[in-house]
């Protein structure tokens, strides 16, 4: 539909650019003669249902009866059918991504789900320390998968010190942010830069994505909250309003058990 709109409108403009006699034309929508500007406006609004260039002689005669000299011997007429409000609403619904489908798509990105045992791993931290997940039994663990180039991951990090690290500093809690597909030097530079802005924590690296590939696929950030027995109890995918607050709530509940 849009292709047809621009094709026809392009034809109108092309005719105007040539140094020849301009073709006489008229554009009719909703039984009214409209300007080219109004046609463009309808196109931008997604209001065009169909466009037809040219009319039969009988149709031309009827239009001449209605519009008189405004039709006359015009060389061509463009008839524009507009969508009714109900049709526009239906089209929006049909083309709008389903939240249910989006939710299922995100779930399909997970290789571990809630109530699964977290797969053990050993991650190299940028300060030289190595952390093995199975050594943390008896503690609540938040594993965060991120990357230095992903702005949503950095937005999460801006809230984590105040809402998670500080409240649970003296509790049996461990935060393991793991950068995926990046080397130590790149991650170290980003962590140092964040530290200048008050975001200060250690980070792990997973340059070959070995750890990540056992937990999930698709987009980041992804967070896995693991209880004291090594079982995944909460997962967050992507970033949304109140996401860090929800993570903090889940961590607090597990620490109280």
Protein backbone atom coordinates (compact mmCIF):
# COMPACT_ATOMS: atom_id res chain seq x y z
CA UNK A 1 0.00 0.00 0.00
CA UNK A 2 2.74 2.48 0.99
CA UNK A 3 4.82 1.45 -2.05
CA UNK A 4 1.85 2.26 -4.27
CA UNK A 5 1.44 5.63 -2.56
CA UNK A 6 5.06 6.68 -3.12
CA UNK A 7 5.11 5.29 -6.63
CA UNK A 8 2.10 7.37 -7.62
CA UNK A 9 3.27 10.44 -5.78
CA UNK A 10 6.71 10.06 -7.32
CA UNK A 11 5.04 10.04 -10.73
CA UNK A 12 3.40 13.36 -9.89
CA UNK A 13 6.72 14.91 -8.84
CA UNK A 14 8.55 13.52 -11.86
CA UNK A 15 6.08 15.20 -14.12
CA UNK A 16 6.80 18.51 -12.43
CA UNK A 17 10.58 18.32 -12.71
CA UNK A 18 10.64 18.05 -16.50
CA UNK A 19 10.76 21.27 -18.49
CA UNK A 20 7.63 20.32 -20.39
CA UNK A 21 3.94 21.02 -20.12
CA UNK A 22 2.78 19.89 -16.72
CA UNK A 23 0.17 17.11 -16.83
CA UNK A 24 -3.19 18.21 -15.53
CA UNK A 25 -4.21 16.14 -12.52
CA UNK A 26 -6.68 15.94 -9.69
CA UNK A 27 -6.54 13.89 -6.49
CA UNK A 28 -9.80 12.80 -4.91
CA UNK A 29 -10.20 11.31 -1.41
CA UNK A 30 -13.39 10.94 0.60
CA UNK A 31 -15.27 12.40 -2.36
CA UNK A 32 -13.29 15.61 -2.03
CA UNK A 33 -10.52 17.11 -4.11
CA UNK A 34 -7.35 17.26 -2.02
CA UNK A 35 -3.87 18.73 -2.47
CA UNK A 36 -0.63 16.79 -2.89
CA UNK A 37 0.32 17.95 0.62
CA UNK A 38 -2.85 16.40 2.03
CA UNK A 39 -2.08 13.17 0.17
CA UNK A 40 1.35 13.05 1.80
CA UNK A 41 -0.26 13.70 5.19
CA UNK A 42 -2.66 10.78 4.71
CA UNK A 43 0.27 8.57 3.75
CA UNK A 44 2.24 9.51 6.86
CA UNK A 45 -0.81 8.80 9.02
CA UNK A 46 -1.23 5.34 7.51
CA UNK A 47 -4.74 6.28 6.44
CA UNK A 48 -4.53 5.15 2.81
CA UNK A 49 -6.39 1.95 1.97
CA UNK A 50 -5.91 1.99 -1.81
CA UNK A 51 -4.93 4.31 -4.65
CA UNK A 52 -6.00 4.08 -8.28
CA UNK A 53 -4.65 6.16 -11.14
CA UNK A 54 -7.23 6.89 -13.79
CA UNK A 55 -10.99 6.45 -14.00
CA UNK A 56 -13.44 5.24 -16.63
CA UNK A 57 -15.21 7.75 -18.85
CA UNK A 58 -18.43 7.12 -16.96
CA UNK A 59 -16.71 7.83 -13.63
CA UNK A 60 -15.12 10.96 -15.10
CA UNK A 61 -18.54 12.21 -16.20
CA UNK A 62 -19.97 11.67 -12.71
CA UNK A 63 -17.03 13.50 -11.16
CA UNK A 64 -17.48 16.35 -13.62
CA UNK A 65 -21.11 16.64 -12.55
CA UNK A 66 -20.02 16.90 -8.93
CA UNK A 67 -16.94 19.11 -9.25
CA UNK A 68 -17.62 20.92 -12.52
CA UNK A 69 -14.65 22.73 -14.08
CA UNK A 70 -12.30 21.35 -11.42
CA UNK A 71 -12.41 18.06 -13.32
CA UNK A 72 -12.67 19.33 -16.88
CA UNK A 73 -10.20 17.71 -19.28
CA UNK A 74 -7.63 16.77 -16.66
CA UNK A 75 -5.19 14.25 -18.12
CA UNK A 76 -5.43 11.91 -15.15
CA UNK A 77 -7.30 11.47 -11.92
CA UNK A 78 -6.03 9.73 -8.78
CA UNK A 79 -8.73 8.13 -6.63
CA UNK A 80 -7.71 7.55 -3.01
CA UNK A 81 -9.63 5.22 -0.71
CA UNK A 82 -9.11 5.99 2.98
CA UNK A 83 -9.39 3.61 5.87
CA UNK A 84 -12.30 4.03 8.23
CA UNK A 85 -11.49 4.42 11.91
CA UNK A 86 -12.46 0.81 12.67
CA UNK A 87 -10.27 -0.38 9.79
CA UNK A 88 -7.33 1.69 11.06
CA UNK A 89 -7.77 0.25 14.55
CA UNK A 90 -7.94 -3.29 13.18
CA UNK A 91 -4.78 -2.75 11.13
CA UNK A 92 -2.94 -1.44 14.19
CA UNK A 93 -3.98 -4.48 16.20
CA UNK A 94 -2.96 -6.86 13.41
CA UNK A 95 0.46 -5.27 12.97
CA UNK A 96 1.19 -4.67 16.67
CA UNK A 97 3.62 -7.26 18.09
CA UNK A 98 1.89 -9.57 20.52
CA UNK A 99 3.13 -9.16 24.08
CA UNK A 100 2.43 -12.86 24.57
CA UNK A 101 4.56 -13.77 21.57
CA UNK A 102 7.31 -11.43 22.78
CA UNK A 103 7.22 -13.07 26.20
CA UNK A 104 7.49 -16.53 24.65
CA UNK A 105 10.36 -15.37 22.46
CA UNK A 106 12.23 -14.17 25.52
CA UNK A 107 11.55 -17.39 27.38
CA UNK A 108 12.96 -19.33 24.45
CA UNK A 109 16.23 -17.47 24.95
CA UNK A 110 16.72 -19.25 28.28
CA UNK A 111 18.63 -22.49 28.68
CA UNK A 112 17.98 -22.50 32.42
CA UNK A 113 14.60 -21.79 33.94
CA UNK A 114 13.22 -21.12 37.41
CA UNK A 115 13.67 -24.08 39.78
CA UNK A 116 16.54 -25.51 37.68
CA UNK A 117 19.86 -26.13 39.36
CA UNK A 118 22.30 -23.43 38.27
CA UNK A 119 25.05 -24.88 36.08
CA UNK A 120 28.40 -24.66 37.82
CA UNK A 121 31.12 -22.45 36.40
CA UNK A 122 34.40 -20.83 37.30
CA UNK A 123 34.80 -17.24 36.17
CA UNK A 124 37.94 -15.13 36.01
CA UNK A 125 37.44 -11.71 37.64
CA UNK A 126 39.33 -8.66 36.41
CA UNK A 127 41.08 -8.27 39.78
CA UNK A 128 42.72 -11.68 39.26
CA UNK A 129 40.36 -13.60 41.54
CA UNK A 130 38.54 -16.72 40.33
CA UNK A 131 35.02 -17.50 41.54
CA UNK A 132 33.44 -20.94 41.34
CA UNK A 133 29.68 -20.93 41.70
CA UNK A 134 29.47 -24.23 43.60
CA UNK A 135 31.76 -22.77 46.28
CA UNK A 136 29.05 -20.25 47.10
CA UNK A 137 26.50 -22.71 48.51
CA UNK A 138 24.84 -21.13 51.53
CA UNK A 139 24.86 -17.70 49.84
CA UNK A 140 22.37 -15.98 47.56
CA UNK A 141 23.98 -15.19 44.22
CA UNK A 142 23.01 -12.71 41.53
CA UNK A 143 24.60 -13.58 38.17
CA UNK A 144 24.33 -10.72 35.71
CA UNK A 145 25.25 -11.14 32.03
CA UNK A 146 26.26 -7.89 30.35
CA UNK A 147 28.60 -6.22 27.85
CA UNK A 148 30.44 -2.91 27.80
CA UNK A 149 28.73 -1.78 24.58
CA UNK A 150 25.17 -2.45 25.74
CA UNK A 151 23.58 0.74 27.11
CA UNK A 152 20.76 -1.11 28.91
CA UNK A 153 23.33 -3.08 30.91
CA UNK A 154 24.99 0.15 32.01
CA UNK A 155 21.62 1.63 32.97
CA UNK A 156 21.08 -1.33 35.30
CA UNK A 157 24.52 -0.86 36.82
CA UNK A 158 23.69 2.74 37.73
CA UNK A 159 21.02 1.46 40.18
CA UNK A 160 22.72 -1.68 41.48
CA UNK A 161 25.12 -0.12 44.05
CA UNK A 162 22.38 1.75 45.91
CA UNK A 163 19.59 -0.82 45.62
CA UNK A 164 21.48 -4.11 45.86
CA UNK A 165 25.15 -3.88 46.80
CA UNK A 166 24.83 -1.49 49.73
CA UNK A 167 21.69 -3.03 51.35
CA UNK A 168 23.13 -6.57 51.20
CA UNK A 169 26.78 -5.71 51.84
CA UNK A 170 26.95 -7.55 55.17
CA UNK A 171 24.65 -10.41 54.17
CA UNK A 172 25.28 -13.81 52.59
CA UNK A 173 25.05 -12.35 49.12
CA UNK A 174 27.41 -12.35 46.12
CA UNK A 175 27.09 -10.30 42.95
CA UNK A 176 28.77 -11.74 39.84
CA UNK A 177 28.47 -9.53 36.76
CA UNK A 178 29.91 -11.45 33.80
CA UNK A 179 30.81 -9.63 30.60
CA UNK A 180 30.24 -11.89 27.60
CA UNK A 181 32.43 -12.03 24.49
CA UNK A 182 34.91 -9.37 25.65
CA UNK A 183 38.51 -9.42 26.80
CA UNK A 184 39.84 -8.41 30.20
CA UNK A 185 41.38 -5.12 29.05
CA UNK A 186 38.16 -3.81 27.53
CA UNK A 187 36.10 -4.74 30.57
CA UNK A 188 38.72 -3.30 32.92
CA UNK A 189 38.61 0.05 31.11
CA UNK A 190 34.82 0.21 31.36
CA UNK A 191 34.79 -0.74 35.05
CA UNK A 192 37.42 1.94 35.78
CA UNK A 193 35.33 4.51 33.92
CA UNK A 194 32.20 3.55 35.86
CA UNK A 195 34.13 3.80 39.12
CA UNK A 196 34.67 7.50 38.38
CA UNK A 197 30.88 7.83 38.46
CA UNK A 198 30.47 6.00 41.76
CA UNK A 199 29.68 2.57 40.29
CA UNK A 200 32.29 0.37 41.90
CA UNK A 201 32.35 -3.45 41.83
CA UNK A 202 34.42 -6.33 40.55
CA UNK A 203 33.48 -8.01 37.25
CA UNK A 204 34.05 -11.33 35.56
CA UNK A 205 34.89 -12.02 31.93
CA UNK A 206 33.60 -14.71 29.61
CA UNK A 207 35.47 -13.96 26.35
CA UNK A 208 34.48 -17.21 24.60
CA UNK A 209 30.90 -17.12 25.98
CA UNK A 210 31.39 -20.57 27.49
CA UNK A 211 29.52 -19.68 30.68
CA UNK A 212 26.86 -17.61 28.93
CA UNK A 213 26.07 -20.38 26.44
CA UNK A 214 25.08 -22.68 29.31
CA UNK A 215 22.57 -20.18 30.66
CA UNK A 216 20.96 -18.31 27.77
CA UNK A 217 21.03 -16.93 24.24
CA UNK A 218 19.72 -13.71 22.71
CA UNK A 219 19.82 -10.26 24.21
CA UNK A 220 21.29 -8.84 27.37
CA UNK A 221 21.11 -7.89 30.18
CA UNK A 222 19.90 -11.09 31.79
CA UNK A 223 19.91 -11.70 35.55
CA UNK A 224 19.71 -15.03 37.39
CA UNK A 225 19.00 -15.02 41.13
CA UNK A 226 20.26 -18.25 42.68
CA UNK A 227 19.29 -19.38 46.19
CA UNK A 228 21.50 -20.82 48.94
CA UNK A 229 21.04 -24.34 47.54
CA UNK A 230 22.18 -23.42 44.04
CA UNK A 231 18.69 -23.29 42.50
CA UNK A 232 17.57 -20.56 40.09
CA UNK A 233 14.67 -18.74 41.75
CA UNK A 234 14.22 -15.61 39.67
CA UNK A 235 15.20 -14.46 36.17
CA UNK A 236 14.96 -11.02 34.60
CA UNK A 237 15.37 -10.44 30.88
CA UNK A 238 16.14 -7.04 29.41
CA UNK A 239 15.49 -3.80 31.21
CA UNK A 240 12.16 -2.45 32.40
CA UNK A 241 10.76 0.02 34.93
CA UNK A 242 11.39 -1.21 38.46
CA UNK A 243 13.52 -4.16 37.34
CA UNK A 244 16.29 -3.61 39.90
CA UNK A 245 13.71 -3.14 42.66
CA UNK A 246 12.21 -6.52 41.77
CA UNK A 247 15.65 -8.15 41.85
CA UNK A 248 16.30 -6.61 45.27
CA UNK A 249 12.97 -7.90 46.57
CA UNK A 250 13.71 -11.45 45.40
CA UNK A 251 17.18 -11.38 46.92
CA UNK A 252 15.81 -10.13 50.22
CA UNK A 253 13.23 -12.93 50.33
CA UNK A 254 15.85 -15.61 49.68
CA UNK A 255 18.20 -14.18 52.31
CA UNK A 256 15.41 -14.40 54.87
CA UNK A 257 14.87 -18.12 54.27
